């Protein structure tokens, strides 16, 4: 069974909602869930994107700038 991009986004939002509820002790608002969802996607790209670029540069023998 293949999951679509939309299903993956909904699953991530659900996981975020559960984690926020556990942390805050109350049901999180839609805005809070969306804010954390956006932050999660940005951090994922920032952290893993840099890691992937550095790995590719090392493979090609380029000098890592960062």
N, C-alpha and C. Protein backbone atom coordinates (compact mmCIF):
# COMPACT_ATOMS: atom_id res chain seq x y z
N UNK A 1 0.85 -1.18 0.00
CA UNK A 1 0.00 0.00 0.00
C UNK A 1 0.89 1.25 0.00
N UNK A 2 0.73 2.05 -0.99
CA UNK A 2 1.54 3.25 -1.14
C UNK A 2 0.80 4.45 -0.55
N UNK A 3 1.55 5.27 0.17
CA UNK A 3 0.95 6.48 0.73
C UNK A 3 1.30 7.67 -0.15
N UNK A 4 0.34 8.51 -0.33
CA UNK A 4 0.55 9.70 -1.14
C UNK A 4 1.18 10.80 -0.28
N UNK A 5 1.61 11.86 -0.94
CA UNK A 5 2.21 12.99 -0.22
C UNK A 5 1.19 13.62 0.72
N UNK A 6 -0.05 13.69 0.29
CA UNK A 6 -1.10 14.27 1.14
C UNK A 6 -1.33 13.43 2.40
N UNK A 7 -1.29 12.12 2.24
CA UNK A 7 -1.47 11.24 3.40
C UNK A 7 -0.30 11.39 4.37
N UNK A 8 0.91 11.54 3.83
CA UNK A 8 2.08 11.71 4.69
C UNK A 8 1.99 13.00 5.48
N UNK A 9 1.50 14.07 4.83
CA UNK A 9 1.33 15.35 5.51
C UNK A 9 0.30 15.23 6.62
N UNK A 10 -0.81 14.55 6.34
CA UNK A 10 -1.86 14.38 7.36
C UNK A 10 -1.35 13.56 8.54
N UNK A 11 -0.57 12.53 8.25
CA UNK A 11 -0.02 11.69 9.32
C UNK A 11 0.95 12.49 10.18
N UNK A 12 1.80 13.30 9.55
CA UNK A 12 2.73 14.13 10.31
C UNK A 12 1.98 15.13 11.18
N UNK A 13 0.94 15.74 10.64
CA UNK A 13 0.14 16.69 11.43
C UNK A 13 -0.53 15.99 12.61
N UNK A 14 -0.98 14.77 12.40
CA UNK A 14 -1.61 14.01 13.49
C UNK A 14 -0.59 13.70 14.59
N UNK A 15 0.62 13.32 14.19
CA UNK A 15 1.66 13.03 15.17
C UNK A 15 2.04 14.29 15.94
N UNK A 16 2.10 15.41 15.23
CA UNK A 16 2.40 16.69 15.88
C UNK A 16 1.31 17.04 16.88
N UNK A 17 0.05 16.84 16.49
CA UNK A 17 -1.07 17.15 17.38
C UNK A 17 -1.01 16.32 18.65
N UNK A 18 -0.68 15.04 18.53
CA UNK A 18 -0.59 14.16 19.69
C UNK A 18 0.57 14.61 20.59
N UNK A 19 1.71 14.93 19.98
CA UNK A 19 2.86 15.37 20.77
C UNK A 19 2.59 16.69 21.48
N UNK A 20 1.93 17.61 20.79
CA UNK A 20 1.59 18.89 21.41
C UNK A 20 0.60 18.70 22.56
N UNK A 21 -0.38 17.83 22.36
CA UNK A 21 -1.35 17.58 23.42
C UNK A 21 -0.66 16.99 24.64
N UNK A 22 0.28 16.08 24.42
CA UNK A 22 1.02 15.47 25.53
C UNK A 22 1.86 16.53 26.25
N UNK A 23 2.47 17.41 25.49
CA UNK A 23 3.36 18.43 26.06
C UNK A 23 2.58 19.54 26.76
N UNK A 24 1.50 20.00 26.13
CA UNK A 24 0.76 21.14 26.66
C UNK A 24 -0.32 20.75 27.68
N UNK A 25 -0.77 19.51 27.61
CA UNK A 25 -1.83 19.07 28.51
C UNK A 25 -3.21 19.53 28.07
N UNK A 26 -3.33 19.97 26.83
CA UNK A 26 -4.62 20.40 26.29
C UNK A 26 -4.62 20.14 24.79
N UNK A 27 -5.78 20.24 24.18
CA UNK A 27 -5.89 20.03 22.74
C UNK A 27 -5.30 21.25 22.03
N UNK A 28 -4.32 21.03 21.14
CA UNK A 28 -3.71 22.17 20.46
C UNK A 28 -4.65 22.76 19.40
N UNK A 29 -4.48 24.06 19.17
CA UNK A 29 -5.28 24.73 18.15
C UNK A 29 -4.71 24.41 16.77
N UNK A 30 -5.55 24.55 15.76
CA UNK A 30 -5.14 24.28 14.38
C UNK A 30 -3.93 25.15 14.01
N UNK A 31 -3.92 26.41 14.43
CA UNK A 31 -2.82 27.30 14.11
C UNK A 31 -1.50 26.80 14.71
N UNK A 32 -1.58 26.28 15.94
CA UNK A 32 -0.38 25.74 16.58
C UNK A 32 0.16 24.54 15.83
N UNK A 33 -0.74 23.66 15.43
CA UNK A 33 -0.34 22.47 14.68
C UNK A 33 0.31 22.87 13.37
N UNK A 34 -0.31 23.82 12.66
CA UNK A 34 0.24 24.26 11.38
C UNK A 34 1.58 24.95 11.53
N UNK A 35 1.75 25.71 12.60
CA UNK A 35 3.01 26.40 12.84
C UNK A 35 4.14 25.39 13.09
N UNK A 36 3.88 24.39 13.91
CA UNK A 36 4.88 23.37 14.20
C UNK A 36 5.14 22.52 12.95
N UNK A 37 4.10 22.26 12.17
CA UNK A 37 4.23 21.49 10.94
C UNK A 37 5.19 22.20 9.98
N UNK A 38 5.00 23.50 9.80
CA UNK A 38 5.87 24.27 8.93
C UNK A 38 7.30 24.28 9.46
N UNK A 39 7.46 24.50 10.75
CA UNK A 39 8.78 24.51 11.36
C UNK A 39 9.47 23.15 11.18
N UNK A 40 8.71 22.08 11.34
CA UNK A 40 9.26 20.73 11.18
C UNK A 40 9.79 20.52 9.78
N UNK A 41 9.03 20.93 8.78
CA UNK A 41 9.46 20.76 7.39
C UNK A 41 10.69 21.60 7.08
N UNK A 42 10.73 22.82 7.61
CA UNK A 42 11.87 23.69 7.37
C UNK A 42 13.12 23.11 8.04
N UNK A 43 13.00 22.67 9.28
CA UNK A 43 14.14 22.10 9.99
C UNK A 43 14.64 20.82 9.32
N UNK A 44 13.73 20.01 8.84
CA UNK A 44 14.10 18.78 8.14
C UNK A 44 14.95 19.11 6.91
N UNK A 45 14.49 20.09 6.15
CA UNK A 45 15.24 20.49 4.95
C UNK A 45 16.58 21.11 5.32
N UNK A 46 16.58 21.93 6.36
CA UNK A 46 17.81 22.61 6.77
C UNK A 46 18.86 21.61 7.27
N UNK A 47 18.46 20.70 8.12
CA UNK A 47 19.40 19.77 8.72
C UNK A 47 19.80 18.68 7.73
N UNK A 48 18.84 17.98 7.17
CA UNK A 48 19.17 16.88 6.28
C UNK A 48 19.65 17.38 4.92
N UNK A 49 19.17 18.54 4.51
CA UNK A 49 19.64 19.10 3.25
C UNK A 49 21.12 19.40 3.29
N UNK A 50 21.58 20.01 4.37
CA UNK A 50 23.00 20.31 4.53
C UNK A 50 23.81 19.03 4.65
N UNK A 51 23.30 18.07 5.37
CA UNK A 51 24.00 16.80 5.54
C UNK A 51 24.17 16.11 4.19
N UNK A 52 23.11 16.11 3.41
CA UNK A 52 23.15 15.47 2.11
C UNK A 52 24.12 16.18 1.18
N UNK A 53 24.08 17.53 1.16
CA UNK A 53 25.00 18.30 0.31
C UNK A 53 26.45 18.05 0.68
N UNK A 54 26.73 18.05 1.97
CA UNK A 54 28.09 17.82 2.43
C UNK A 54 28.57 16.43 2.01
N UNK A 55 27.70 15.45 2.13
CA UNK A 55 28.04 14.08 1.75
C UNK A 55 28.33 13.99 0.25
N UNK A 56 27.51 14.66 -0.54
CA UNK A 56 27.71 14.67 -1.99
C UNK A 56 29.01 15.38 -2.35
N UNK A 57 29.32 16.50 -1.69
CA UNK A 57 30.54 17.22 -1.97
C UNK A 57 31.77 16.38 -1.61
N UNK A 58 31.69 15.67 -0.50
CA UNK A 58 32.80 14.81 -0.09
C UNK A 58 33.03 13.72 -1.13
N UNK A 59 31.94 13.17 -1.63
CA UNK A 59 32.02 12.11 -2.63
C UNK A 59 32.70 12.62 -3.90
N UNK A 60 32.41 13.85 -4.28
CA UNK A 60 32.95 14.42 -5.50
C UNK A 60 34.33 15.04 -5.29
N UNK A 61 34.81 15.04 -4.04
CA UNK A 61 36.13 15.57 -3.75
C UNK A 61 36.17 17.09 -3.64
N UNK A 62 35.02 17.71 -3.48
CA UNK A 62 34.97 19.17 -3.33
C UNK A 62 35.28 19.55 -1.89
N UNK A 63 35.81 20.74 -1.72
CA UNK A 63 36.09 21.26 -0.40
C UNK A 63 34.78 21.76 0.23
N UNK A 64 34.45 21.27 1.39
CA UNK A 64 33.22 21.70 2.07
C UNK A 64 33.38 23.11 2.59
N UNK A 65 32.46 23.98 2.26
CA UNK A 65 32.53 25.37 2.68
C UNK A 65 31.97 25.54 4.08
N UNK A 66 31.03 24.74 4.45
CA UNK A 66 30.39 24.88 5.76
C UNK A 66 30.78 23.76 6.68
